[in-house]
């Protein structure tokens, strides 16, 4: 899984050959969130989260 970016103790990753729609996983601090990218039509949107508090 290639890491695209690291910030505030979090990693932004893309899994090779992952399913559509285009999305990224944000992993760290005991949690994971998935953001759909909606490129180029609109901004990223939180799809699901596990282990992160709001």
N, C-alpha and C. Protein backbone atom coordinates (compact mmCIF):
# COMPACT_ATOMS: atom_id res chain seq x y z
N UNK A 1 0.84 -1.17 0.00
CA UNK A 1 0.00 0.00 0.00
C UNK A 1 0.89 1.24 0.00
N UNK A 2 0.91 1.98 -1.08
CA UNK A 2 1.73 3.19 -1.17
C UNK A 2 1.19 4.30 -0.26
N UNK A 3 2.08 4.90 0.51
CA UNK A 3 1.72 6.05 1.33
C UNK A 3 1.86 7.30 0.50
N UNK A 4 0.80 8.09 0.40
CA UNK A 4 0.79 9.32 -0.38
C UNK A 4 1.28 10.49 0.44
N UNK A 5 0.88 10.53 1.70
CA UNK A 5 1.22 11.67 2.55
C UNK A 5 1.20 11.23 4.01
N UNK A 6 1.94 11.97 4.84
CA UNK A 6 1.92 11.78 6.30
C UNK A 6 1.75 13.15 6.94
N UNK A 7 0.84 13.25 7.89
CA UNK A 7 0.66 14.51 8.62
C UNK A 7 -0.03 14.23 9.94
N UNK A 8 0.36 14.95 10.98
CA UNK A 8 -0.23 14.83 12.31
C UNK A 8 -0.33 13.38 12.78
N UNK A 9 0.65 12.55 12.43
CA UNK A 9 0.64 11.15 12.85
C UNK A 9 -0.28 10.25 12.04
N UNK A 10 -0.83 10.76 10.94
CA UNK A 10 -1.73 9.99 10.09
C UNK A 10 -1.04 9.68 8.76
N UNK A 11 -1.43 8.55 8.13
CA UNK A 11 -0.94 8.20 6.80
C UNK A 11 -2.10 8.19 5.83
N UNK A 12 -1.91 8.75 4.65
CA UNK A 12 -2.89 8.70 3.57
C UNK A 12 -2.38 7.67 2.57
N UNK A 13 -3.16 6.61 2.34
CA UNK A 13 -2.70 5.52 1.48
C UNK A 13 -3.74 5.19 0.42
N UNK A 14 -3.24 4.60 -0.66
CA UNK A 14 -4.09 4.04 -1.73
C UNK A 14 -3.67 2.59 -1.88
N UNK A 15 -4.63 1.68 -1.92
CA UNK A 15 -4.35 0.28 -2.14
C UNK A 15 -4.34 0.00 -3.65
N UNK A 16 -3.29 -0.63 -4.17
CA UNK A 16 -3.26 -0.97 -5.60
C UNK A 16 -4.43 -1.89 -5.95
N UNK A 17 -4.99 -1.69 -7.11
CA UNK A 17 -6.09 -2.52 -7.63
C UNK A 17 -7.31 -2.50 -6.72
N UNK A 18 -7.53 -1.42 -5.98
CA UNK A 18 -8.70 -1.31 -5.12
C UNK A 18 -9.93 -1.00 -5.97
N UNK A 19 -11.10 -1.13 -5.41
CA UNK A 19 -12.37 -0.95 -6.12
C UNK A 19 -12.70 0.53 -6.36
N UNK A 20 -13.64 0.78 -7.24
CA UNK A 20 -14.16 2.12 -7.49
C UNK A 20 -15.26 2.41 -6.46
N UNK A 21 -15.59 3.63 -6.17
CA UNK A 21 -15.07 4.88 -6.73
C UNK A 21 -13.68 5.19 -6.17
N UNK A 22 -12.99 6.12 -6.83
CA UNK A 22 -11.65 6.52 -6.39
C UNK A 22 -11.72 7.03 -4.95
N UNK A 23 -10.81 6.53 -4.10
CA UNK A 23 -10.84 6.90 -2.69
C UNK A 23 -9.46 6.73 -2.07
N UNK A 24 -9.28 7.29 -0.89
CA UNK A 24 -8.05 7.13 -0.12
C UNK A 24 -8.43 6.67 1.29
N UNK A 25 -7.47 6.02 1.94
CA UNK A 25 -7.63 5.58 3.33
C UNK A 25 -6.71 6.45 4.18
N UNK A 26 -7.21 6.94 5.30
CA UNK A 26 -6.41 7.70 6.25
C UNK A 26 -6.31 6.83 7.50
N UNK A 27 -5.07 6.45 7.86
CA UNK A 27 -4.83 5.47 8.91
C UNK A 27 -3.94 6.07 9.98
N UNK A 28 -4.27 5.83 11.24
CA UNK A 28 -3.42 6.25 12.33
C UNK A 28 -4.19 6.42 13.62
N UNK A 29 -3.45 6.49 14.73
CA UNK A 29 -4.03 6.74 16.04
C UNK A 29 -5.15 5.75 16.36
N UNK A 30 -4.99 4.48 15.92
CA UNK A 30 -5.96 3.45 16.22
C UNK A 30 -7.22 3.49 15.39
N UNK A 31 -7.25 4.28 14.33
CA UNK A 31 -8.45 4.38 13.50
C UNK A 31 -8.14 4.40 12.02
N UNK A 32 -9.19 4.33 11.24
CA UNK A 32 -9.09 4.43 9.79
C UNK A 32 -10.33 5.12 9.26
N UNK A 33 -10.14 5.98 8.26
CA UNK A 33 -11.25 6.66 7.60
C UNK A 33 -11.07 6.50 6.10
N UNK A 34 -12.17 6.45 5.36
CA UNK A 34 -12.13 6.33 3.91
C UNK A 34 -12.83 7.55 3.32
N UNK A 35 -12.15 8.23 2.39
CA UNK A 35 -12.68 9.41 1.74
C UNK A 35 -12.84 9.14 0.25
N UNK A 36 -14.06 9.31 -0.29
CA UNK A 36 -14.27 9.27 -1.74
C UNK A 36 -13.78 10.58 -2.31
N UNK A 37 -13.10 10.53 -3.47
CA UNK A 37 -12.44 11.72 -3.99
C UNK A 37 -13.33 12.58 -4.87
N UNK A 38 -14.26 12.03 -5.62
CA UNK A 38 -15.18 12.80 -6.48
C UNK A 38 -14.46 13.71 -7.47
N UNK A 39 -13.27 13.35 -7.88
CA UNK A 39 -12.50 14.21 -8.81
C UNK A 39 -13.04 14.08 -10.22
N UNK A 40 -13.08 15.11 -10.98
CA UNK A 40 -12.88 16.52 -10.62
C UNK A 40 -14.18 17.23 -10.28
N UNK A 41 -15.26 16.48 -10.08
CA UNK A 41 -16.58 17.08 -9.93
C UNK A 41 -16.82 17.79 -8.59
N UNK A 42 -16.09 17.42 -7.55
CA UNK A 42 -16.38 18.03 -6.27
C UNK A 42 -15.34 17.70 -5.23
N UNK A 43 -15.55 18.14 -3.99
CA UNK A 43 -14.57 17.92 -2.92
C UNK A 43 -14.63 16.49 -2.39
N UNK A 44 -13.57 16.05 -1.70
CA UNK A 44 -13.60 14.73 -1.07
C UNK A 44 -14.73 14.66 -0.04
N UNK A 45 -15.22 13.43 0.18
CA UNK A 45 -16.32 13.23 1.12
C UNK A 45 -16.02 12.02 2.01
N UNK A 46 -16.20 12.17 3.31
CA UNK A 46 -16.01 11.07 4.24
C UNK A 46 -17.05 10.00 3.97
N UNK A 47 -16.60 8.78 3.67
CA UNK A 47 -17.52 7.67 3.41
C UNK A 47 -17.73 6.81 4.65
N UNK A 48 -16.65 6.49 5.36
CA UNK A 48 -16.78 5.66 6.55
C UNK A 48 -15.58 5.89 7.47
N UNK A 49 -15.76 5.59 8.74
CA UNK A 49 -14.68 5.74 9.70
C UNK A 49 -14.79 4.66 10.77
N UNK A 50 -13.64 4.21 11.24
CA UNK A 50 -13.55 3.18 12.27
C UNK A 50 -12.54 3.62 13.31
N UNK A 51 -12.92 3.74 14.56
CA UNK A 51 -11.99 3.99 15.63
C UNK A 51 -11.60 5.46 15.85
N UNK A 52 -12.07 6.37 15.01
CA UNK A 52 -11.82 7.79 15.22
C UNK A 52 -13.04 8.40 15.90
N UNK A 53 -12.79 9.34 16.81
CA UNK A 53 -13.91 10.07 17.38
C UNK A 53 -14.19 11.29 16.48
N UNK A 54 -15.37 11.80 16.52
CA UNK A 54 -15.72 12.97 15.71
C UNK A 54 -14.94 14.15 16.18
